[in-house]
PDB file of N, CA and C in Angstrom:
ATOM      1  N   MET A   1     -32.259  11.921 -17.251  1.00  0.00           N
ATOM      2  CA  MET A   1     -33.951  12.571 -15.982  1.00  0.00           C
ATOM      3  C   MET A   1     -33.101  11.805 -14.642  1.00  0.00           C
ATOM      4  N   ASP A   2     -32.129  10.628 -14.622  1.00  0.00           N
ATOM      5  CA  ASP A   2     -32.041  10.859 -12.882  1.00  0.00           C
ATOM      6  C   ASP A   2     -30.901  11.862 -12.610  1.00  0.00           C
ATOM      7  N   ASN A   3     -30.218  12.368 -13.037  1.00  0.00           N
ATOM      8  CA  ASN A   3     -29.405  13.642 -13.063  1.00  0.00           C
ATOM      9  C   ASN A   3     -30.658  14.748 -12.344  1.00  0.00           C
ATOM     10  N   SER A   4     -31.349  14.886 -12.893  1.00  0.00           N
ATOM     11  CA  SER A   4     -32.456  16.182 -13.039  1.00  0.00           C
ATOM     12  C   SER A   4     -33.005  15.929 -11.475  1.00  0.00           C
ATOM     13  N   LYS A   5     -33.165  14.579 -11.439  1.00  0.00           N
ATOM     14  CA  LYS A   5     -33.855  14.119 -10.457  1.00  0.00           C
ATOM     15  C   LYS A   5     -33.196  14.204  -8.704  1.00  0.00           C
ATOM     16  N   THR A   6     -31.794  13.521  -9.529  1.00  0.00           N
ATOM     17  CA  THR A   6     -30.916  14.368  -7.836  1.00  0.00           C
ATOM     18  C   THR A   6     -30.649  15.627  -7.800  1.00  0.00           C
ATOM     19  N   THR A   7     -30.486  16.397  -8.971  1.00  0.00           N
ATOM     20  CA  THR A   7     -30.179  17.731  -8.716  1.00  0.00           C
ATOM     21  C   THR A   7     -31.525  18.415  -7.796  1.00  0.00           C
ATOM     22  N   SER A   8     -32.731  18.332  -8.006  1.00  0.00           N
ATOM     23  CA  SER A   8     -34.052  18.435  -7.260  1.00  0.00           C
ATOM     24  C   SER A   8     -33.831  18.187  -6.005  1.00  0.00           C
ATOM     25  N   LYS A   9     -33.333  17.007  -5.344  1.00  0.00           N
ATOM     26  CA  LYS A   9     -33.179  16.541  -4.469  1.00  0.00           C
ATOM     27  C   LYS A   9     -32.027  17.135  -3.567  1.00  0.00           C
ATOM     28  N   ILE A  10     -31.328  17.672  -3.497  1.00  0.00           N
ATOM     29  CA  ILE A  10     -30.224  18.407  -3.478  1.00  0.00           C
ATOM     30  C   ILE A  10     -30.926  19.693  -3.304  1.00  0.00           C
ATOM     31  N   ILE A  11     -30.909  20.295  -4.232  1.00  0.00           N
ATOM     32  CA  ILE A  11     -31.716  21.650  -4.090  1.00  0.00           C
ATOM     33  C   ILE A  11     -32.837  21.726  -3.261  1.00  0.00           C
ATOM     34  N   GLY A  12     -34.138  20.839  -3.054  1.00  0.00           N
ATOM     35  CA  GLY A  12     -34.774  20.795  -1.547  1.00  0.00           C
ATOM     36  C   GLY A  12     -34.113  20.311  -0.316  1.00  0.00           C
ATOM     37  N   SER A  13     -33.024  19.569  -0.277  1.00  0.00           N
ATOM     38  CA  SER A  13     -32.985  20.049   0.977  1.00  0.00           C
ATOM     39  C   SER A  13     -31.642  20.859   1.645  1.00  0.00           C
ATOM     40  N   LEU A  14     -30.911  21.289   0.409  1.00  0.00           N
ATOM     41  CA  LEU A  14     -30.441  22.181   0.635  1.00  0.00           C
ATOM     42  C   LEU A  14     -31.051  23.538   1.753  1.00  0.00           C
ATOM     43  N   VAL A  15     -32.394  23.574   0.628  1.00  0.00           N
ATOM     44  CA  VAL A  15     -33.449  24.361   1.056  1.00  0.00           C
ATOM     45  C   VAL A  15     -33.839  24.168   2.304  1.00  0.00           C
ATOM     46  N   ILE A  16     -34.353  23.092   2.863  1.00  0.00           N
ATOM     47  CA  ILE A  16     -34.828  22.867   4.683  1.00  0.00           C
ATOM     48  C   ILE A  16     -33.691  23.061   5.316  1.00  0.00           C
ATOM     49  N   GLY A  17     -32.988  22.471   4.964  1.00  0.00           N
ATOM     50  CA  GLY A  17     -31.624  22.462   5.445  1.00  0.00           C
ATOM     51  C   GLY A  17     -31.127  23.623   6.419  1.00  0.00           C
ATOM     52  N   ALA A  18     -31.261  24.678   5.187  1.00  0.00           N
ATOM     53  CA  ALA A  18     -31.382  26.003   5.162  1.00  0.00           C
ATOM     54  C   ALA A  18     -32.298  26.616   6.320  1.00  0.00           C
ATOM     55  N   LEU A  19     -33.838  26.218   5.597  1.00  0.00           N
ATOM     56  CA  LEU A  19     -34.466  26.877   6.644  1.00  0.00           C
ATOM     57  C   LEU A  19     -34.479  26.064   8.171  1.00  0.00           C
ATOM     58  N   ALA A  20     -33.987  25.267   8.395  1.00  0.00           N
ATOM     59  CA  ALA A  20     -34.019  24.319   9.990  1.00  0.00           C
ATOM     60  C   ALA A  20     -32.317  25.280  10.691  1.00  0.00           C
ATOM     61  N   GLY A  21     -31.396  25.776   9.722  1.00  0.00           N
ATOM     62  CA  GLY A  21     -30.536  26.206  10.302  1.00  0.00           C
ATOM     63  C   GLY A  21     -31.264  27.487  10.858  1.00  0.00           C
ATOM     64  N   ALA A  22     -31.805  27.795   9.837  1.00  0.00           N
ATOM     65  CA  ALA A  22     -32.067  29.082  10.664  1.00  0.00           C
ATOM     66  C   ALA A  22     -32.760  29.508  11.585  1.00  0.00           C
ATOM     67  N   THR A  23     -34.138  28.438  11.751  1.00  0.00           N
ATOM     68  CA  THR A  23     -34.870  28.826  12.394  1.00  0.00           C
ATOM     69  C   THR A  23     -33.858  28.054  13.765  1.00  0.00           C
ATOM     70  N   LEU A  24     -33.265  27.359  14.062  1.00  0.00           N
ATOM     71  CA  LEU A  24     -32.546  27.082  15.544  1.00  0.00           C
ATOM     72  C   LEU A  24     -31.980  28.150  15.643  1.00  0.00           C
ATOM     73  N   GLY A  25     -31.224  28.754  14.571  1.00  0.00           N
ATOM     74  CA  GLY A  25     -29.870  29.935  15.232  1.00  0.00           C
ATOM     75  C   GLY A  25     -31.233  31.165  15.522  1.00  0.00           C
ATOM     76  N   VAL A  26     -31.746  31.126  15.229  1.00  0.00           N
ATOM     77  CA  VAL A  26     -32.630  32.207  15.703  1.00  0.00           C
ATOM     78  C   VAL A  26     -33.365  31.786  17.024  1.00  0.00           C
ATOM     79  N   LEU A  27     -33.751  30.825  17.364  1.00  0.00           N
ATOM     80  CA  LEU A  27     -34.191  30.055  18.804  1.00  0.00           C
ATOM     81  C   LEU A  27     -32.747  30.346  19.947  1.00  0.00           C
ATOM     82  N   PHE A  28     -31.972  29.565  19.736  1.00  0.00           N
ATOM     83  CA  PHE A  28     -30.311  29.029  20.509  1.00  0.00           C
ATOM     84  C   PHE A  28     -29.937  30.826  20.431  1.00  0.00           C
ATOM     85  N   ALA A  29     -29.692  31.769  19.523  1.00  0.00           N
ATOM     86  CA  ALA A  29     -28.821  32.655  19.763  1.00  0.00           C
ATOM     87  C   ALA A  29     -28.041  33.258  20.771  1.00  0.00           C
ATOM     88  N   PRO A  30     -27.030  32.626  21.204  1.00  0.00           N
ATOM     89  CA  PRO A  30     -27.058  34.061  23.033  1.00  0.00           C
ATOM     90  C   PRO A  30     -26.595  35.911  22.152  1.00  0.00           C
ATOM     91  N   SER A  31     -26.331  35.614  20.915  1.00  0.00           N
ATOM     92  CA  SER A  31     -26.416  37.208  20.923  1.00  0.00           C
ATOM     93  C   SER A  31     -27.387  38.287  20.659  1.00  0.00           C
ATOM     94  N   LYS A  32     -27.431  39.448  20.724  1.00  0.00           N
ATOM     95  CA  LYS A  32     -28.093  40.219  20.069  1.00  0.00           C
ATOM     96  C   LYS A  32     -29.273  40.217  18.696  1.00  0.00           C
ATOM     97  N   GLY A  33     -30.521  40.211  18.832  1.00  0.00           N
ATOM     98  CA  GLY A  33     -30.801  40.264  17.698  1.00  0.00           C
ATOM     99  C   GLY A  33     -30.206  40.894  16.271  1.00  0.00           C
ATOM    100  N   SER A  34     -29.922  42.050  16.397  1.00  0.00           N
ATOM    101  CA  SER A  34     -29.143  42.743  14.836  1.00  0.00           C
ATOM    102  C   SER A  34     -27.985  41.501  14.439  1.00  0.00           C
ATOM    103  N   LYS A  35     -27.301  41.148  15.474  1.00  0.00           N
ATOM    104  CA  LYS A  35     -26.163  40.181  15.199  1.00  0.00           C
ATOM    105  C   LYS A  35     -26.804  38.651  14.753  1.00  0.00           C
ATOM    106  N   THR A  36     -27.605  38.104  15.512  1.00  0.00           N
ATOM    107  CA  THR A  36     -28.164  36.999  14.545  1.00  0.00           C
ATOM    108  C   THR A  36     -28.591  37.746  13.404  1.00  0.00           C
ATOM    109  N   ARG A  37     -29.572  37.987  12.727  1.00  0.00           N
ATOM    110  CA  ARG A  37     -30.441  38.830  11.505  1.00  0.00           C
ATOM    111  C   ARG A  37     -28.729  39.024  10.538  1.00  0.00           C
ATOM    112  N   SER A  38     -27.865  39.352  11.269  1.00  0.00           N
ATOM    113  CA  SER A  38     -26.899  39.467   9.974  1.00  0.00           C
ATOM    114  C   SER A  38     -26.318  38.076  10.283  1.00  0.00           C
ATOM    115  N   LYS A  39     -25.807  37.742  10.573  1.00  0.00           N
ATOM    116  CA  LYS A  39     -25.679  35.660  10.582  1.00  0.00           C
ATOM    117  C   LYS A  39     -26.058  35.050   9.517  1.00  0.00           C
ATOM    118  N   ILE A  40     -27.518  34.884   9.967  1.00  0.00           N
ATOM    119  CA  ILE A  40     -28.609  34.477   8.908  1.00  0.00           C
ATOM    120  C   ILE A  40     -28.287  35.077   7.901  1.00  0.00           C
ATOM    121  N   ALA A  41     -28.420  36.549   7.276  1.00  0.00           N
ATOM    122  CA  ALA A  41     -28.379  36.825   6.264  1.00  0.00           C
ATOM    123  C   ALA A  41     -26.945  36.565   5.626  1.00  0.00           C
ATOM    124  N   GLY A  42     -25.569  36.295   6.258  1.00  0.00           N
ATOM    125  CA  GLY A  42     -25.123  36.175   5.924  1.00  0.00           C
ATOM    126  C   GLY A  42     -24.738  34.542   5.274  1.00  0.00           C
ATOM    127  N   ARG A  43     -25.207  33.424   6.174  1.00  0.00           N
ATOM    128  CA  ARG A  43     -25.707  32.223   5.501  1.00  0.00           C
ATOM    129  C   ARG A  43     -26.281  31.899   4.652  1.00  0.00           C
ATOM    130  N   ALA A  44     -27.387  33.071   4.194  1.00  0.00           N
ATOM    131  CA  ALA A  44     -28.216  32.617   3.373  1.00  0.00           C
ATOM    132  C   ALA A  44     -27.393  33.596   2.283  1.00  0.00           C
ATOM    133  N   GLU A  45     -27.170  34.567   1.895  1.00  0.00           N
ATOM    134  CA  GLU A  45     -26.293  34.789   1.160  1.00  0.00           C
ATOM    135  C   GLU A  45     -25.585  33.693   0.892  1.00  0.00           C
ATOM    136  N   ASN A  46     -24.343  33.060   1.274  1.00  0.00           N
ATOM    137  CA  ASN A  46     -23.785  31.578   0.927  1.00  0.00           C
ATOM    138  C   ASN A  46     -24.405  30.672   0.224  1.00  0.00           C
ATOM    139  N   LEU A  47     -25.297  30.521   1.424  1.00  0.00           N
ATOM    140  CA  LEU A  47     -26.685  29.389   0.227  1.00  0.00           C
ATOM    141  C   LEU A  47     -26.893  29.909  -0.953  1.00  0.00           C
ATOM    142  N   SER A  48     -27.799  31.039  -1.347  1.00  0.00           N
ATOM    143  CA  SER A  48     -27.552  31.505  -2.568  1.00  0.00           C
ATOM    144  C   SER A  48     -26.893  31.296  -3.262  1.00  0.00           C
ATOM    145  N   LYS A  49     -25.253  32.142  -2.977  1.00  0.00           N
ATOM    146  CA  LYS A  49     -24.630  31.667  -3.756  1.00  0.00           C
ATOM    147  C   LYS A  49     -24.026  30.174  -4.574  1.00  0.00           C
ATOM    148  N   ASP A  50     -23.803  29.152  -3.504  1.00  0.00           N
ATOM    149  CA  ASP A  50     -23.609  27.822  -4.163  1.00  0.00           C
ATOM    150  C   ASP A  50     -25.154  27.633  -4.446  1.00  0.00           C
ATOM    151  N   LEU A  51     -25.870  27.726  -4.411  1.00  0.00           N
ATOM    152  CA  LEU A  51     -27.026  27.168  -5.118  1.00  0.00           C
ATOM    153  C   LEU A  51     -27.198  27.571  -6.555  1.00  0.00           C
ATOM    154  N   LYS A  52     -26.642  28.942  -6.899  1.00  0.00           N
ATOM    155  CA  LYS A  52     -26.547  29.505  -8.030  1.00  0.00           C
ATOM    156  C   LYS A  52     -25.120  29.024  -8.873  1.00  0.00           C
ATOM    157  N   LYS A  53     -24.365  28.174  -7.856  1.00  0.00           N
ATOM    158  CA  LYS A  53     -23.205  27.579  -8.815  1.00  0.00           C
ATOM    159  C   LYS A  53     -23.432  26.347  -8.777  1.00  0.00           C
ATOM    160  N   LYS A  54     -24.158  25.347  -8.476  1.00  0.00           N
ATOM    161  CA  LYS A  54     -24.526  24.490  -8.210  1.00  0.00           C
ATOM    162  C   LYS A  54     -25.475  24.393 -10.215  1.00  0.00           C
ATOM    163  N   ILE A  55     -26.772  25.400  -9.817  1.00  0.00           N
ATOM    164  CA  ILE A  55     -27.325  25.522 -10.760  1.00  0.00           C
ATOM    165  C   ILE A  55     -27.154  25.470 -12.191  1.00  0.00           C
ATOM    166  N   LYS A  56     -25.623  26.542 -11.931  1.00  0.00           N
ATOM    167  CA  LYS A  56     -25.243  26.708 -13.369  1.00  0.00           C
ATOM    168  C   LYS A  56     -24.455  25.464 -13.855  1.00  0.00           C
ATOM    169  N   ASN A  57     -23.998  24.899 -12.795  1.00  0.00           N
ATOM    170  CA  ASN A  57     -23.166  23.431 -13.181  1.00  0.00           C
ATOM    171  C   ASN A  57     -23.658  22.503 -14.033  1.00  0.00           C
ATOM    172  N   GLU A  58     -25.053  22.516 -13.367  1.00  0.00           N
ATOM    173  CA  GLU A  58     -25.768  21.833 -13.815  1.00  0.00           C
ATOM    174  C   GLU A  58     -26.510  22.064 -16.077  1.00  0.00           C
ATOM    175  N   ALA A  59     -26.395  23.162 -15.764  1.00  0.00           N
ATOM    176  CA  ALA A  59     -26.660  24.205 -16.962  1.00  0.00           C
ATOM    177  C   ALA A  59     -25.771  23.554 -18.009  1.00  0.00           C
ATOM    178  N   ASN A  60     -24.371  24.340 -17.234  1.00  0.00           N
ATOM    179  CA  ASN A  60     -23.267  23.878 -18.077  1.00  0.00           C
ATOM    180  C   ASN A  60     -23.557  22.544 -18.582  1.00  0.00           C
ATOM    181  N   ASP A  61     -23.335  21.248 -18.034  1.00  0.00           N
ATOM    182  CA  ASP A  61     -23.329  19.677 -18.111  1.00  0.00           C
ATOM    183  C   ASP A  61     -24.684  19.505 -18.806  1.00  0.00           C
ATOM    184  N   TYR A  62     -25.494  19.630 -18.743  1.00  0.00           N
ATOM    185  CA  TYR A  62     -26.648  19.646 -20.097  1.00  0.00           C
ATOM    186  C   TYR A  62     -26.491  20.370 -21.130  1.00  0.00           C
ATOM    187  N   LYS A  63     -25.566  21.858 -21.319  1.00  0.00           N
ATOM    188  CA  LYS A  63     -25.553  22.191 -22.603  1.00  0.00           C
ATOM    189  C   LYS A  63     -24.572  21.000 -23.460  1.00  0.00           C
ATOM    190  N   LYS A  64     -23.423  20.766 -22.382  1.00  0.00           N
ATOM    191  CA  LYS A  64     -21.924  19.539 -22.784  1.00  0.00           C
ATOM    192  C   LYS A  64     -23.257  18.713 -23.278  1.00  0.00           C
ATOM    193  N   SER A  65     -23.653  18.424 -23.068  1.00  0.00           N
ATOM    194  CA  SER A  65     -24.578  17.355 -22.985  1.00  0.00           C
ATOM    195  C   SER A  65     -25.511  17.135 -24.325  1.00  0.00           C
ATOM    196  N   PHE A  66     -26.220  17.988 -24.959  1.00  0.00           N
ATOM    197  CA  PHE A  66     -27.098  18.479 -25.244  1.00  0.00           C
ATOM    198  C   PHE A  66     -25.799  18.240 -27.125  1.00  0.00           C
ATOM    199  N   SER A  67     -24.864  19.650 -26.742  1.00  0.00           N
ATOM    200  CA  SER A  67     -24.370  19.206 -27.936  1.00  0.00           C
ATOM    201  C   SER A  67     -23.635  18.607 -28.233  1.00  0.00           C
ATOM    202  N   ASN A  68     -23.222  17.450 -27.368  1.00  0.00           N
ATOM    203  CA  ASN A  68     -22.704  15.944 -28.034  1.00  0.00           C
ATOM    204  C   ASN A  68     -23.596  15.140 -28.670  1.00  0.00           C
ATOM    205  N   GLU A  69     -25.176  15.373 -28.016  1.00  0.00           N
ATOM    206  CA  GLU A  69     -26.212  14.438 -28.508  1.00  0.00           C
ATOM    207  C   GLU A  69     -26.293  14.821 -30.294  1.00  0.00           C
ATOM    208  N   THR A  70     -26.342  16.265 -30.150  1.00  0.00           N
ATOM    209  CA  THR A  70     -26.387  17.007 -31.717  1.00  0.00           C
ATOM    210  C   THR A  70     -25.432  16.239 -32.811  1.00  0.00           C
ATOM    211  N   LYS A  71     -23.919  16.717 -31.875  1.00  0.00           N
ATOM    212  CA  LYS A  71     -23.008  15.833 -32.822  1.00  0.00           C
ATOM    213  C   LYS A  71     -22.980  14.704 -33.507  1.00  0.00           C
ATOM    214  N   SER A  72     -23.792  13.553 -32.173  1.00  0.00           N
ATOM    215  CA  SER A  72     -24.188  12.439 -32.490  1.00  0.00           C
ATOM    216  C   SER A  72     -24.673  12.519 -33.809  1.00  0.00           C
ATOM    217  N   LEU A  73     -25.909  13.011 -33.433  1.00  0.00           N
ATOM    218  CA  LEU A  73     -26.745  12.918 -34.447  1.00  0.00           C
ATOM    219  C   LEU A  73     -26.685  13.218 -36.139  1.00  0.00           C
ATOM    220  N   LYS A  74     -25.859  14.392 -36.080  1.00  0.00           N
ATOM    221  CA  LYS A  74     -25.321  15.157 -37.180  1.00  0.00           C
ATOM    222  C   LYS A  74     -24.447  13.561 -37.877  1.00  0.00           C
ATOM    223  N   LYS A  75     -24.091  12.993 -37.399  1.00  0.00           N
ATOM    224  CA  LYS A  75     -22.710  12.289 -37.510  1.00  0.00           C
ATOM    225  C   LYS A  75     -23.774  10.807 -38.041  1.00  0.00           C
ATOM    226  N   ASN A  76     -25.296  10.703 -37.539  1.00  0.00           N
ATOM    227  CA  ASN A  76     -25.558   9.508 -38.000  1.00  0.00           C
ATOM    228  C   ASN A  76     -26.434   9.746 -39.002  1.00  0.00           C
ATOM    229  N   SER A  77     -26.933  11.047 -39.093  1.00  0.00           N
ATOM    230  CA  SER A  77     -27.522  11.287 -40.131  1.00  0.00           C
ATOM    231  C   SER A  77     -26.483  11.466 -41.400  1.00  0.00           C
ATOM    232  N   ALA A  78     -25.476  11.993 -41.416  1.00  0.00           N
ATOM    233  CA  ALA A  78     -24.812  11.980 -42.465  1.00  0.00           C
ATOM    234  C   ALA A  78     -24.606  10.324 -42.833  1.00  0.00           C
ATOM    235  N   LYS A  79     -24.442   9.373 -41.931  1.00  0.00           N
ATOM    236  CA  LYS A  79     -24.106   8.383 -42.575  1.00  0.00           C
ATOM    237  C   LYS A  79     -25.426   7.397 -43.103  1.00  0.00           C
ATOM    238  N   LEU A  80     -26.766   8.124 -42.607  1.00  0.00           N
ATOM    239  CA  LEU A  80     -27.352   7.373 -42.989  1.00  0.00           C
ATOM    240  C   LEU A  80     -28.011   8.143 -44.685  1.00  0.00           C
ATOM    241  N   GLU A  81     -27.867   9.078 -44.430  1.00  0.00           N
ATOM    242  CA  GLU A  81     -27.531   9.816 -46.027  1.00  0.00           C
ATOM    243  C   GLU A  81     -26.567   8.724 -46.678  1.00  0.00           C
ATOM    244  N   LYS A  82     -25.324   9.414 -46.317  1.00  0.00           N
ATOM    245  CA  LYS A  82     -24.953   8.162 -47.553  1.00  0.00           C
ATOM    246  C   LYS A  82     -24.570   7.096 -48.099  1.00  0.00           C
ATOM    247  N   MET A  83     -25.088   5.802 -47.134  1.00  0.00           N
ATOM    248  CA  MET A  83     -25.857   4.495 -47.054  1.00  0.00           C
ATOM    249  C   MET A  83     -27.675   4.642 -48.531  1.00  0.00           C
ATOM    250  N   VAL A  84     -28.136   6.042 -47.901  1.00  0.00           N
ATOM    251  CA  VAL A  84     -29.326   5.942 -48.706  1.00  0.00           C
ATOM    252  C   VAL A  84     -28.780   6.112 -50.429  1.00  0.00           C
ATOM    253  N   GLU A  85     -27.628   7.061 -50.690  1.00  0.00           N
ATOM    254  CA  GLU A  85     -27.207   7.387 -51.949  1.00  0.00           C
ATOM    255  C   GLU A  85     -26.706   6.328 -52.732  1.00  0.00           C
ATOM    256  N   GLU A  86     -25.693   5.646 -51.899  1.00  0.00           N
ATOM    257  CA  GLU A  86     -25.536   4.335 -52.141  1.00  0.00           C
ATOM    258  C   GLU A  86     -26.591   2.919 -52.630  1.00  0.00           C
ATOM    259  N   LYS A  87     -27.217   2.920 -51.870  1.00  0.00           N
ATOM    260  CA  LYS A  87     -28.590   2.333 -52.449  1.00  0.00           C
ATOM    261  C   LYS A  87     -28.994   2.724 -53.438  1.00  0.00           C
ATOM    262  N   MET A  88     -29.476   3.920 -53.202  1.00  0.00           N
ATOM    263  CA  MET A  88     -30.498   4.546 -55.086  1.00  0.00           C
ATOM    264  C   MET A  88     -29.275   4.341 -56.259  1.00  0.00           C
ATOM    265  N   GLU A  89     -27.925   4.338 -56.409  1.00  0.00           N
ATOM    266  CA  GLU A  89     -27.219   3.928 -57.241  1.00  0.00           C
ATOM    267  C   GLU A  89     -27.735   2.741 -57.912  1.00  0.00           C
ATOM    268  N   THR A  90     -27.381   1.648 -56.883  1.00  0.00           N
ATOM    269  CA  THR A  90     -27.686   0.316 -57.466  1.00  0.00           C
ATOM    270  C   THR A  90     -29.182  -0.028 -57.712  1.00  0.00           C
ATOM    271  N   PHE A  91     -30.231   1.303 -57.615  1.00  0.00           N
ATOM    272  CA  PHE A  91     -31.269   0.714 -58.673  1.00  0.00           C
ATOM    273  C   PHE A  91     -31.067   0.908 -59.859  1.00  0.00           C
ATOM    274  N   PRO A  92     -31.956  -0.060 -60.867  1.00  0.00           N
ATOM    275  CA  PRO A  92     -31.673   0.592 -62.381  1.00  0.00           C
ATOM    276  C   PRO A  92     -32.914   1.631 -62.386  1.00  0.00           C
ATOM    277  N   SER A  93     -32.111   2.172 -63.813  1.00  0.00           N
ATOM    278  CA  SER A  93     -32.763   3.461 -63.926  1.00  0.00           C
ATOM    279  C   SER A  93     -33.738   3.262 -64.938  1.00  0.00           C
ATOM    280  N   THR A  94     -34.689   3.886 -65.148  1.00  0.00           N
ATOM    281  CA  THR A  94     -36.027   3.839 -65.722  1.00  0.00           C
ATOM    282  C   THR A  94     -35.860   4.666 -66.898  1.00  0.00           C
TER     283      THR A  94
END
């Protein structure tokens, strides 16, 4: 849970920072409008790539975590099954 909250905060901060940067860039741009738009588009593209990379990394982390938990659950269920079988063998048959 904490990991998803942290990720959400990071993504939110990135979006807010990008918007603030774009706004300030337009307001204080010494270049022509076409150059400024090109710079903003480039920055937005870089932000998009970074965001996609972070999302992909988070998804991979969740997949690994899920896989590890699944393996652990299978291992523990096999142990439990063996314990139940051993207990069943100790009961007298009727």
